[in-house]
Amino acid sequence: MSFEYVEGEAILLHMNEHNICASSGSACTSGSLEPSHVLRAMGVPFTAAHGSIRFSLSTYNTEEEIDFVLDKMPGIIESLRKMSPFWEGE
């Protein structure tokens, strides 16, 4: 999942406040601050690739957990975009 004009690491920090777990980037490049080379090869703009996060789901996840994330994400992204010098309120 990718969000333009927001850093993936910042998204994770805000998600952590709600006990939502995810990762930024791909599993094979965890720990790197560079955007995914796969996303870049697919033509994903740098502004979106830098704001990518990865959710790992299984049969043990519940609909309530998914709904919780869907409820929290818009506020997280909105608050981070307000801080972004690149966001123009599209």
C-alpha atoms as a PDB file:
ATOM      1  CA  MET A   1       0.000   0.000   0.000  1.00  0.00           C
ATOM      2  CA  SER A   2       1.415   3.371  -0.897  1.00  0.00           C
ATOM      3  CA  PHE A   3       0.651   6.957   0.049  1.00  0.00           C
ATOM      4  CA  GLU A   4       2.055   9.960  -1.777  1.00  0.00           C
ATOM      5  CA  TYR A   5       3.912  12.742   0.039  1.00  0.00           C
ATOM      6  CA  VAL A   6       4.236  10.750   3.275  1.00  0.00           C
ATOM      7  CA  GLU A   7       7.227   8.770   4.564  1.00  0.00           C
ATOM      8  CA  GLY A   8       6.596   5.074   5.224  1.00  0.00           C
ATOM      9  CA  GLU A   9       8.516   5.213   8.503  1.00  0.00           C
ATOM     10  CA  ALA A  10       6.344   8.100   9.745  1.00  0.00           C
ATOM     11  CA  ILE A  11       3.219   6.112   8.896  1.00  0.00           C
ATOM     12  CA  LEU A  12       4.537   3.178  10.927  1.00  0.00           C
ATOM     13  CA  LEU A  13       5.246   5.392  13.937  1.00  0.00           C
ATOM     14  CA  HIS A  14       1.679   6.700  13.931  1.00  0.00           C
ATOM     15  CA  MET A  15       0.252   3.230  13.359  1.00  0.00           C
ATOM     16  CA  ASN A  16       2.231   1.994  16.355  1.00  0.00           C
ATOM     17  CA  GLU A  17       0.307   4.437  18.559  1.00  0.00           C
ATOM     18  CA  HIS A  18      -2.801   2.397  17.686  1.00  0.00           C
ATOM     19  CA  ASN A  19      -1.026  -0.977  18.034  1.00  0.00           C
ATOM     20  CA  ILE A  20      -1.239  -1.561  14.278  1.00  0.00           C
ATOM     21  CA  CYS A  21       1.672  -3.588  12.938  1.00  0.00           C
ATOM     22  CA  ALA A  22       3.094  -3.302   9.428  1.00  0.00           C
ATOM     23  CA  SER A  23       6.440  -2.818   7.708  1.00  0.00           C
ATOM     24  CA  SER A  24       7.837  -0.336   5.257  1.00  0.00           C
ATOM     25  CA  GLY A  25       9.270  -1.621   2.028  1.00  0.00           C
ATOM     26  CA  SER A  26       9.658  -5.224   0.993  1.00  0.00           C
ATOM     27  CA  ALA A  27      10.727  -8.052   3.271  1.00  0.00           C
ATOM     28  CA  CYS A  28      13.995  -8.510   1.381  1.00  0.00           C
ATOM     29  CA  THR A  29      15.034  -4.891   1.949  1.00  0.00           C
ATOM     30  CA  SER A  30      13.803  -4.366   5.499  1.00  0.00           C
ATOM     31  CA  GLY A  31      15.888  -1.797   7.316  1.00  0.00           C
ATOM     32  CA  SER A  32      16.620   0.156   4.143  1.00  0.00           C
ATOM     33  CA  LEU A  33      15.308   3.704   3.810  1.00  0.00           C
ATOM     34  CA  GLU A  34      15.390   3.510   0.019  1.00  0.00           C
ATOM     35  CA  PRO A  35      12.078   2.941  -1.755  1.00  0.00           C
ATOM     36  CA  SER A  36      11.443  -0.499  -3.196  1.00  0.00           C
ATOM     37  CA  HIS A  37      13.331  -1.121  -6.429  1.00  0.00           C
ATOM     38  CA  VAL A  38      10.375  -3.245  -7.537  1.00  0.00           C
ATOM     39  CA  LEU A  39       7.920  -0.372  -7.088  1.00  0.00           C
ATOM     40  CA  ARG A  40      10.303   1.953  -8.915  1.00  0.00           C
ATOM     41  CA  ALA A  41      10.679  -0.566 -11.769  1.00  0.00           C
ATOM     42  CA  MET A  42       6.882  -0.689 -12.028  1.00  0.00           C
ATOM     43  CA  GLY A  43       6.876   3.068 -12.571  1.00  0.00           C
ATOM     44  CA  VAL A  44       5.484   4.012  -9.169  1.00  0.00           C
ATOM     45  CA  PRO A  45       6.456   7.658  -8.588  1.00  0.00           C
ATOM     46  CA  PHE A  46       9.187   8.279  -6.023  1.00  0.00           C
ATOM     47  CA  THR A  47       6.720  10.294  -3.917  1.00  0.00           C
ATOM     48  CA  ALA A  48       4.475   7.234  -3.616  1.00  0.00           C
ATOM     49  CA  ALA A  49       7.176   4.564  -3.388  1.00  0.00           C
ATOM     50  CA  HIS A  50       8.721   6.337  -0.397  1.00  0.00           C
ATOM     51  CA  GLY A  51       5.355   6.154   1.356  1.00  0.00           C
ATOM     52  CA  SER A  52       4.819   2.433   0.935  1.00  0.00           C
ATOM     53  CA  ILE A  53       3.935   0.097   3.771  1.00  0.00           C
ATOM     54  CA  ARG A  54       3.400  -3.652   3.776  1.00  0.00           C
ATOM     55  CA  PHE A  55       0.719  -5.484   5.723  1.00  0.00           C
ATOM     56  CA  SER A  56       1.088  -9.217   6.327  1.00  0.00           C
ATOM     57  CA  LEU A  57      -2.272 -10.888   6.779  1.00  0.00           C
ATOM     58  CA  SER A  58      -3.299 -14.432   7.570  1.00  0.00           C
ATOM     59  CA  THR A  59      -6.381 -16.492   8.279  1.00  0.00           C
ATOM     60  CA  TYR A  60      -6.005 -15.423  11.911  1.00  0.00           C
ATOM     61  CA  ASN A  61      -6.776 -11.785  11.165  1.00  0.00           C
ATOM     62  CA  THR A  62     -10.352 -10.769  11.864  1.00  0.00           C
ATOM     63  CA  GLU A  63     -12.695  -8.466   9.997  1.00  0.00           C
ATOM     64  CA  GLU A  64     -12.719  -6.256  13.087  1.00  0.00           C
ATOM     65  CA  GLU A  65      -8.939  -5.835  12.865  1.00  0.00           C
ATOM     66  CA  ILE A  66      -9.181  -4.882   9.200  1.00  0.00           C
ATOM     67  CA  ASP A  67     -11.989  -2.424   9.949  1.00  0.00           C
ATOM     68  CA  PHE A  68      -9.919  -0.901  12.761  1.00  0.00           C
ATOM     69  CA  VAL A  69      -7.006  -0.264  10.384  1.00  0.00           C
ATOM     70  CA  LEU A  70      -9.345   1.151   7.733  1.00  0.00           C
ATOM     71  CA  ASP A  71     -10.809   3.474  10.361  1.00  0.00           C
ATOM     72  CA  LYS A  72      -7.428   4.758  11.594  1.00  0.00           C
ATOM     73  CA  MET A  73      -5.471   5.105   8.341  1.00  0.00           C
ATOM     74  CA  PRO A  74      -7.222   8.161   6.858  1.00  0.00           C
ATOM     75  CA  GLY A  75      -6.519  10.237   9.977  1.00  0.00           C
ATOM     76  CA  ILE A  76      -2.907   9.095  10.107  1.00  0.00           C
ATOM     77  CA  ILE A  77      -2.299   9.968   6.460  1.00  0.00           C
ATOM     78  CA  GLU A  78      -4.125  13.295   6.731  1.00  0.00           C
ATOM     79  CA  SER A  79      -2.101  14.393   9.748  1.00  0.00           C
ATOM     80  CA  LEU A  80       1.193  13.431   8.110  1.00  0.00           C
ATOM     81  CA  ARG A  81       0.338  15.143   4.839  1.00  0.00           C
ATOM     82  CA  LYS A  82      -0.398  18.372   6.711  1.00  0.00           C
ATOM     83  CA  MET A  83       3.235  18.290   7.880  1.00  0.00           C
ATOM     84  CA  SER A  84       4.628  17.512   4.428  1.00  0.00           C
ATOM     85  CA  PRO A  85       6.265  20.415   2.583  1.00  0.00           C
ATOM     86  CA  PHE A  86       5.287  18.714  -0.701  1.00  0.00           C
ATOM     87  CA  TRP A  87       1.570  18.243  -0.031  1.00  0.00           C
ATOM     88  CA  GLU A  88      -0.598  20.846  -1.708  1.00  0.00           C
ATOM     89  CA  GLY A  89      -3.958  19.551  -0.501  1.00  0.00           C
ATOM     90  CA  GLU A  90      -4.954  17.843  -3.735  1.00  0.00           C
END
